[in-house]
């Protein structure tokens, strides 16, 4: 597969998106720590992040870490409108836009008649002037490096990695900069003195395979040498999507695991609605303290993109795995949604049909939606077979 010899791929990522929209719309919140979400943190401003507040953290823990934070309820319609405006700017910049979520995308600036750095700078100015939001852009030769560059440049920055500067930029970065390296993998590598991307690149392949297995070793070795041939793709229809979180070796309480599960499901269901798609299969992915892995799946009677219904199913799967988790510990939790299809194929139905099944009841599900999104979201969710109150713009999936 062809990979450009020039740094033409942009990774554009809105900074603390939900929180930034709240600060934009309420001048009284600017410069103050802002937490979006009550039961679970959906977003945190950089002022709140400075106190250790993170997405998917329980609201109670976030308020203990940052007692002066302003906690606001999500306004999904405002985030929808902002995302649509930003993606319109993306598509006015280049036809090659690959949306990753409501607030980030890859863009290909090749052949636009201007240096990619200038394209990125103009993009940032336009988003700031027309939408009023900060956005960070990384520019590099590959998708992987562009995303790493945007992470280094945050918040509200621009970083270009020229091809001849790739080793100098990449090698000193911590090993967790590599996709797929969480706390547990980083700790395992650190025991062998591997703490940077350069260490991974220099490590004998056989040693890396013995530590991580052939698939993970090949993946990390390729990234450490910036080998990522994937082009920016538009209009790709995935058959599944997933998200996961590494937990490290510390034992997590059931409440902490539930908060993490809520964050993962909220992110994935948002991506489903953004792509106008629904799922039928919910899969829970676990990695235990002994590094053994397990998956548990459940197929729903009707395809859905509802946060409450997917969360109910995921919670039931997690409850079934609770004895094994208590005995063996847990170092990673993930959720994937499969059997994806266009949402127009779904029949209208009450979103809480069957909520008395495994893992929850209708009243609890309704209370959860009301707590996070307000009473109006309940009405909209009952009218349609998915959370209209949580709808987000249609982005390429």
Protein backbone atom coordinates (compact mmCIF):
# COMPACT_ATOMS: atom_id res chain seq x y z
CA UNK A 1 0.00 0.00 0.00
CA UNK A 2 1.29 3.46 -0.92
CA UNK A 3 2.38 5.79 1.87
CA UNK A 4 3.25 9.38 1.07
CA UNK A 5 6.82 10.57 1.56
CA UNK A 6 5.43 13.88 2.84
CA UNK A 7 3.64 14.83 6.04
CA UNK A 8 0.15 15.28 4.62
CA UNK A 9 -2.12 13.56 7.14
CA UNK A 10 -3.84 15.72 9.75
CA UNK A 11 -5.35 14.50 12.99
CA UNK A 12 -7.76 17.17 14.22
CA UNK A 13 -9.10 16.80 17.76
CA UNK A 14 -11.38 19.26 19.56
CA UNK A 15 -10.05 19.99 23.05
CA UNK A 16 -12.21 18.77 25.97
CA UNK A 17 -15.11 19.04 23.54
CA UNK A 18 -18.22 18.98 25.75
CA UNK A 19 -16.57 21.13 28.42
CA UNK A 20 -15.29 23.59 25.80
CA UNK A 21 -18.80 24.01 24.40
CA UNK A 22 -20.07 24.76 27.91
CA UNK A 23 -17.31 27.33 28.46
CA UNK A 24 -17.98 28.90 25.07
CA UNK A 25 -21.70 29.27 25.73
CA UNK A 26 -21.38 30.46 29.34
CA UNK A 27 -18.66 33.13 29.77
CA UNK A 28 -18.88 32.62 33.53
CA UNK A 29 -17.35 29.16 33.11
CA UNK A 30 -14.28 30.29 31.18
CA UNK A 31 -11.05 29.66 33.07
CA UNK A 32 -12.89 27.59 35.69
CA UNK A 33 -12.80 23.82 36.24
CA UNK A 34 -15.87 22.35 34.52
CA UNK A 35 -17.15 18.78 34.74
CA UNK A 36 -19.82 17.59 32.31
CA UNK A 37 -21.96 14.80 33.74
CA UNK A 38 -23.16 14.04 37.25
CA UNK A 39 -23.04 10.29 37.87
CA UNK A 40 -20.10 9.75 35.50
CA UNK A 41 -17.69 12.29 34.04
CA UNK A 42 -18.40 12.64 30.31
CA UNK A 43 -15.88 15.46 29.85
CA UNK A 44 -13.66 17.72 31.92
CA UNK A 45 -12.10 21.07 31.11
CA UNK A 46 -8.33 21.34 31.28
CA UNK A 47 -8.71 23.29 34.51
CA UNK A 48 -10.44 20.24 36.01
CA UNK A 49 -8.00 17.80 34.43
CA UNK A 50 -5.19 19.60 36.24
CA UNK A 51 -6.72 18.23 39.48
CA UNK A 52 -6.77 14.66 38.17
CA UNK A 53 -10.34 14.56 36.84
CA UNK A 54 -10.67 12.21 33.87
CA UNK A 55 -13.37 11.04 31.50
CA UNK A 56 -15.34 7.96 32.71
CA UNK A 57 -14.41 8.69 36.33
CA UNK A 58 -17.26 8.54 38.83
CA UNK A 59 -18.76 11.94 39.57
CA UNK A 60 -18.24 11.50 43.31
CA UNK A 61 -14.51 10.89 42.90
CA UNK A 62 -14.21 13.82 40.47
CA UNK A 63 -15.83 16.17 42.97
CA UNK A 64 -13.50 14.97 45.72
CA UNK A 65 -10.48 15.64 43.51
CA UNK A 66 -11.77 19.03 42.42
CA UNK A 67 -14.31 20.36 44.94
CA UNK A 68 -14.43 23.79 43.28
CA UNK A 69 -15.46 22.35 39.91
CA UNK A 70 -18.69 23.46 38.29
CA UNK A 71 -20.73 20.36 37.41
CA UNK A 72 -23.12 20.75 34.48
CA UNK A 73 -25.57 18.39 32.83
CA UNK A 74 -24.83 17.41 29.23
CA UNK A 75 -26.53 19.38 26.45
CA UNK A 76 -26.32 16.95 23.57
CA UNK A 77 -28.13 19.23 21.13
CA UNK A 78 -25.46 21.90 21.63
CA UNK A 79 -22.66 19.37 21.08
CA UNK A 80 -24.43 18.05 17.99
CA UNK A 81 -24.67 21.50 16.48
CA UNK A 82 -21.03 22.30 17.25
CA UNK A 83 -19.81 19.01 15.79
CA UNK A 84 -21.78 19.51 12.59
CA UNK A 85 -20.29 22.95 12.17
CA UNK A 86 -16.75 21.68 12.70
CA UNK A 87 -17.15 18.74 10.33
CA UNK A 88 -18.52 21.12 7.70
CA UNK A 89 -15.23 23.02 8.00
CA UNK A 90 -13.30 19.76 7.71
CA UNK A 91 -15.10 18.86 4.49
CA UNK A 92 -14.67 22.36 3.11
CA UNK A 93 -10.93 21.91 3.69
CA UNK A 94 -10.54 18.55 1.92
CA UNK A 95 -12.86 15.86 0.58
CA UNK A 96 -10.77 13.22 2.34
CA UNK A 97 -12.16 13.25 5.89
CA UNK A 98 -12.36 10.17 8.09
CA UNK A 99 -14.43 10.84 11.18
CA UNK A 100 -13.37 8.94 14.28
CA UNK A 101 -15.92 10.31 16.71
CA UNK A 102 -18.06 13.38 17.31
CA UNK A 103 -14.96 15.49 18.04
CA UNK A 104 -12.02 14.13 16.01
CA UNK A 105 -11.09 13.15 12.47
CA UNK A 106 -8.25 12.39 10.11
CA UNK A 107 -7.87 14.61 7.04
CA UNK A 108 -5.61 14.17 4.02
CA UNK A 109 -4.12 17.46 2.83
CA UNK A 110 -2.27 15.98 -0.15
CA UNK A 111 -2.84 17.83 -3.43
CA UNK A 112 -4.56 20.88 -1.92
CA UNK A 113 -2.06 23.34 -3.40
CA UNK A 114 -0.79 24.55 -0.02
CA UNK A 115 1.69 23.19 2.53
CA UNK A 116 -0.13 20.88 4.99
CA UNK A 117 1.13 23.03 7.88
CA UNK A 118 -0.64 26.04 6.35
CA UNK A 119 -3.77 23.97 5.79
CA UNK A 120 -3.73 22.93 9.45
CA UNK A 121 -3.17 26.48 10.69
CA UNK A 122 -6.02 27.79 8.54
CA UNK A 123 -8.26 24.98 9.77
CA UNK A 124 -7.60 25.88 13.40
CA UNK A 125 -8.28 29.58 12.75
CA UNK A 126 -11.53 28.82 10.96
CA UNK A 127 -12.82 26.56 13.72
CA UNK A 128 -11.93 29.18 16.35
CA UNK A 129 -13.52 32.06 14.42
CA UNK A 130 -16.64 30.32 13.10
CA UNK A 131 -17.41 27.82 15.87
CA UNK A 132 -15.59 29.38 18.82
CA UNK A 133 -13.85 26.20 19.95
CA UNK A 134 -10.18 25.28 20.47
CA UNK A 135 -8.87 22.46 18.31
CA UNK A 136 -5.50 20.75 18.20
CA UNK A 137 -4.00 19.43 14.96
CA UNK A 138 -1.11 17.03 14.46
CA UNK A 139 0.45 16.70 11.01
CA UNK A 140 2.62 13.76 9.97
CA UNK A 141 3.27 11.19 7.28
CA UNK A 142 1.14 8.47 8.91
CA UNK A 143 -2.11 8.32 10.83
CA UNK A 144 -0.38 6.94 13.89
CA UNK A 145 2.17 9.72 14.08
CA UNK A 146 -0.39 12.45 13.31
CA UNK A 147 -2.49 11.29 16.25
CA UNK A 148 0.54 11.14 18.53
CA UNK A 149 1.52 14.64 17.40
CA UNK A 150 -1.90 16.06 18.24
CA UNK A 151 -1.71 14.45 21.68
CA UNK A 152 1.66 16.07 22.33
CA UNK A 153 0.42 19.45 21.06
CA UNK A 154 -2.67 19.60 23.28
CA UNK A 155 -4.35 21.77 24.26
CA UNK A 156 -5.10 24.20 21.44
CA UNK A 157 -1.89 23.55 19.54
CA UNK A 158 -0.41 22.61 16.18
CA UNK A 159 2.51 20.24 15.72
CA UNK A 160 4.02 19.17 12.39
CA UNK A 161 6.41 16.20 12.32
CA UNK A 162 8.49 16.36 9.11
CA UNK A 163 9.58 12.98 7.72
CA UNK A 164 13.25 13.67 8.42
CA UNK A 165 12.45 14.43 12.08
CA UNK A 166 10.33 11.32 12.76
CA UNK A 167 12.96 9.30 14.69
CA UNK A 168 13.98 12.34 16.75
CA UNK A 169 10.33 12.99 17.67
CA UNK A 170 9.17 9.43 18.14
CA UNK A 171 12.00 7.63 19.94
CA UNK A 172 12.02 9.61 23.25
CA UNK A 173 8.24 9.33 23.73
CA UNK A 174 6.99 7.09 26.55
CA UNK A 175 6.06 3.59 25.46
CA UNK A 176 2.41 4.28 26.24
CA UNK A 177 2.34 6.58 23.21
CA UNK A 178 2.07 3.40 21.13
CA UNK A 179 -1.50 2.35 20.36
CA UNK A 180 -2.42 -0.70 22.40
CA UNK A 181 -0.01 -0.10 25.29
CA UNK A 182 -1.85 0.40 28.55
CA UNK A 183 -0.64 0.48 32.13
CA UNK A 184 -0.22 -3.28 32.41
CA UNK A 185 1.75 -3.70 29.18
CA UNK A 186 3.87 -0.64 29.99
CA UNK A 187 4.64 -2.08 33.43
CA UNK A 188 5.60 -5.44 31.93
CA UNK A 189 7.94 -3.76 29.43
CA UNK A 190 9.40 -1.51 32.13
CA UNK A 191 10.54 -4.56 34.08
CA UNK A 192 12.85 -5.24 31.14
CA UNK A 193 14.04 -1.64 30.94
CA UNK A 194 11.76 -0.76 28.01
CA UNK A 195 10.24 2.66 28.76
CA UNK A 196 10.39 4.58 25.48
CA UNK A 197 9.33 4.04 21.88
CA UNK A 198 13.02 3.91 20.96
CA UNK A 199 13.52 1.04 23.39
CA UNK A 200 10.78 -0.91 21.61
CA UNK A 201 12.31 -0.14 18.21
CA UNK A 202 15.73 -1.38 19.37
CA UNK A 203 14.46 -4.47 21.18
CA UNK A 204 15.14 -7.82 19.46
CA UNK A 205 11.95 -9.02 17.83
CA UNK A 206 12.24 -12.44 19.45
CA UNK A 207 12.40 -10.87 22.92
CA UNK A 208 9.36 -8.72 22.23
CA UNK A 209 7.44 -11.75 20.95
CA UNK A 210 8.32 -13.74 24.08
CA UNK A 211 6.96 -10.92 26.25
CA UNK A 212 3.80 -9.97 24.38
CA UNK A 213 3.08 -12.65 21.79
CA UNK A 214 3.55 -12.43 18.02
CA UNK A 215 0.52 -10.27 17.17
CA UNK A 216 1.09 -7.57 19.80
CA UNK A 217 4.85 -7.63 19.25
CA UNK A 218 4.49 -7.16 15.48
CA UNK A 219 1.99 -4.34 15.98
CA UNK A 220 4.15 -2.42 18.46
CA UNK A 221 7.34 -2.95 16.51
CA UNK A 222 5.74 -1.56 13.35
CA UNK A 223 4.47 1.53 15.15
CA UNK A 224 7.83 2.07 16.87
CA UNK A 225 9.33 2.34 13.38
CA UNK A 226 6.36 4.48 12.21
CA UNK A 227 5.13 1.82 9.82
CA UNK A 228 1.42 2.56 9.39
CA UNK A 229 0.24 2.20 5.77
CA UNK A 230 -3.44 3.01 6.39
CA UNK A 231 -4.79 5.82 4.19
CA UNK A 232 -7.47 8.31 5.20
CA UNK A 233 -10.68 6.52 4.25
CA UNK A 234 -14.14 7.97 3.79
CA UNK A 235 -17.48 6.22 3.88
CA UNK A 236 -16.17 2.96 5.39
CA UNK A 237 -18.94 0.90 7.01
CA UNK A 238 -17.63 -1.09 9.91
CA UNK A 239 -19.18 -4.35 11.05
CA UNK A 240 -18.21 -3.72 14.67
CA UNK A 241 -16.74 -1.06 16.94
CA UNK A 242 -15.18 -1.20 20.36
CA UNK A 243 -13.39 0.63 23.14
CA UNK A 244 -11.34 -0.56 26.08
CA UNK A 245 -9.51 0.70 29.13
CA UNK A 246 -6.40 -0.69 30.78
CA UNK A 247 -6.67 -0.81 34.59
CA UNK A 248 -3.18 -1.60 35.81
CA UNK A 249 -2.59 -3.98 38.71
CA UNK A 250 -4.56 -2.16 41.42
CA UNK A 251 -7.73 -3.87 42.51
CA UNK A 252 -10.83 -1.97 41.42
CA UNK A 253 -14.08 -1.85 43.34
CA UNK A 254 -17.34 -2.89 41.64
CA UNK A 255 -18.37 0.76 41.67
CA UNK A 256 -15.19 1.79 39.85
CA UNK A 257 -15.64 -0.95 37.25
CA UNK A 258 -19.24 0.11 36.72
CA UNK A 259 -18.20 3.73 36.21
CA UNK A 260 -15.65 2.66 33.61
CA UNK A 261 -18.23 0.47 31.89
CA UNK A 262 -20.67 3.38 31.74
CA UNK A 263 -18.02 5.57 30.13
CA UNK A 264 -17.16 2.96 27.50
CA UNK A 265 -20.80 2.31 26.62
CA UNK A 266 -21.60 6.02 26.50
CA UNK A 267 -18.75 6.61 24.06
CA UNK A 268 -19.68 3.68 21.83
CA UNK A 269 -23.40 4.35 21.74
CA UNK A 270 -22.62 7.95 20.81
CA UNK A 271 -20.50 6.70 17.92
CA UNK A 272 -23.35 4.44 16.82
CA UNK A 273 -25.83 7.30 16.71
CA UNK A 274 -23.28 9.55 15.03
CA UNK A 275 -23.03 7.01 12.20
CA UNK A 276 -26.83 6.42 12.12
CA UNK A 277 -26.28 2.78 12.97
CA UNK A 278 -27.52 0.23 15.50
CA UNK A 279 -26.08 -2.98 16.96
CA UNK A 280 -27.45 -6.35 17.98
CA UNK A 281 -24.50 -7.94 19.77
CA UNK A 282 -22.84 -6.60 22.92
CA UNK A 283 -19.51 -8.16 23.91
CA UNK A 284 -17.63 -7.63 27.15
CA UNK A 285 -13.86 -8.12 26.89
CA UNK A 286 -11.79 -8.82 29.99
CA UNK A 287 -8.12 -9.37 30.76
CA UNK A 288 -7.50 -10.86 34.18
CA UNK A 289 -4.60 -10.35 36.55
CA UNK A 290 -2.86 -13.44 35.15
CA UNK A 291 -3.14 -11.90 31.63
CA UNK A 292 -5.66 -14.53 30.50
CA UNK A 293 -8.42 -13.05 28.38
CA UNK A 294 -12.14 -13.77 28.25
CA UNK A 295 -15.11 -12.50 26.27
CA UNK A 296 -18.80 -12.70 27.05
CA UNK A 297 -21.44 -11.76 24.49
CA UNK A 298 -25.18 -11.35 24.31
CA UNK A 299 -27.33 -10.85 21.23
CA UNK A 300 -30.26 -8.50 21.69
CA UNK A 301 -33.75 -9.36 20.43
CA UNK A 302 -33.82 -6.06 18.56
CA UNK A 303 -31.01 -3.90 17.21
CA UNK A 304 -30.51 -0.66 19.12
CA UNK A 305 -28.31 2.38 19.63
CA UNK A 306 -29.78 3.24 23.04
CA UNK A 307 -27.25 3.90 25.75
CA UNK A 308 -29.56 2.52 28.45
CA UNK A 309 -30.26 -0.77 26.67
CA UNK A 310 -26.64 -1.42 25.73
CA UNK A 311 -25.49 -0.51 29.23
CA UNK A 312 -28.07 -2.83 30.78
CA UNK A 313 -26.72 -5.72 28.69
CA UNK A 314 -23.08 -4.87 29.41
CA UNK A 315 -23.80 -4.65 33.13
CA UNK A 316 -25.40 -8.10 33.07
CA UNK A 317 -22.31 -9.53 31.38
CA UNK A 318 -20.05 -7.84 33.93
CA UNK A 319 -22.18 -9.17 36.81
CA UNK A 320 -21.82 -12.71 35.43
CA UNK A 321 -18.04 -12.28 35.38
CA UNK A 322 -17.86 -10.80 38.89
CA UNK A 323 -16.77 -14.04 40.66
CA UNK A 324 -13.86 -14.55 38.25
CA UNK A 325 -12.86 -10.90 38.58
CA UNK A 326 -12.92 -11.09 42.38
CA UNK A 327 -10.73 -14.20 42.33
CA UNK A 328 -8.25 -13.28 39.58
CA UNK A 329 -8.26 -9.48 39.43
CA UNK A 330 -8.77 -7.43 36.27
CA UNK A 331 -6.24 -5.49 34.20
CA UNK A 332 -8.42 -4.49 31.22
CA UNK A 333 -12.09 -3.99 30.50
CA UNK A 334 -13.54 -3.42 27.06
CA UNK A 335 -16.84 -3.37 25.21
CA UNK A 336 -17.49 -4.04 21.55
CA UNK A 337 -20.71 -3.70 19.59
CA UNK A 338 -21.28 -6.05 16.69
CA UNK A 339 -23.73 -6.96 13.95
CA UNK A 340 -23.98 -3.29 12.99
CA UNK A 341 -26.61 -2.14 10.55
CA UNK A 342 -28.23 1.10 9.38
CA UNK A 343 -30.73 2.45 11.91
CA UNK A 344 -33.47 2.88 9.33
CA UNK A 345 -33.86 -0.90 9.34
CA UNK A 346 -34.97 -0.87 12.99
CA UNK A 347 -38.67 -0.98 13.86
CA UNK A 348 -39.97 1.67 16.23
CA UNK A 349 -40.23 0.32 19.76
CA UNK A 350 -40.25 1.53 23.32
CA UNK A 351 -36.57 1.73 24.29
CA UNK A 352 -37.19 0.03 27.63
CA UNK A 353 -39.06 -3.01 26.28
CA UNK A 354 -37.68 -6.00 28.09
CA UNK A 355 -35.81 -3.88 30.61
CA UNK A 356 -36.82 -6.28 33.33
CA UNK A 357 -34.37 -8.81 31.88
CA UNK A 358 -30.90 -9.60 33.07
CA UNK A 359 -29.04 -6.85 34.79
CA UNK A 360 -31.62 -4.14 35.51
CA UNK A 361 -35.18 -2.84 35.46
CA UNK A 362 -37.08 -0.15 33.59
CA UNK A 363 -37.28 2.29 36.49
CA UNK A 364 -33.52 2.21 37.04
CA UNK A 365 -32.84 2.72 33.35
CA UNK A 366 -35.24 5.69 33.19
CA UNK A 367 -33.72 7.22 36.32
CA UNK A 368 -30.26 6.86 34.81
CA UNK A 369 -31.26 8.65 31.61
CA UNK A 370 -33.07 11.40 33.53
CA UNK A 371 -30.10 11.94 35.85
CA UNK A 372 -27.67 12.33 32.96
CA UNK A 373 -29.72 14.00 30.24
CA UNK A 374 -32.81 15.56 31.81
CA UNK A 375 -36.51 14.72 31.69
CA UNK A 376 -36.96 15.82 28.08
CA UNK A 377 -34.60 13.05 27.00
CA UNK A 378 -37.04 10.48 28.45
CA UNK A 379 -39.86 11.71 26.24
CA UNK A 380 -37.73 11.67 23.13
CA UNK A 381 -36.32 8.22 23.90
CA UNK A 382 -39.80 6.74 24.31
CA UNK A 383 -40.98 8.24 21.04
CA UNK A 384 -38.26 6.56 19.01
CA UNK A 385 -36.45 3.26 19.12
CA UNK A 386 -33.20 5.01 20.05
CA UNK A 387 -32.08 7.93 22.22
CA UNK A 388 -33.07 10.96 20.18
CA UNK A 389 -32.02 12.95 23.22
CA UNK A 390 -28.47 11.71 22.69
CA UNK A 391 -28.35 12.03 18.91
CA UNK A 392 -25.14 13.31 17.39
CA UNK A 393 -24.29 14.32 13.83
CA UNK A 394 -23.83 11.82 11.05
CA UNK A 395 -20.14 11.25 10.64
CA UNK A 396 -18.31 8.74 8.43
CA UNK A 397 -18.06 5.48 10.37
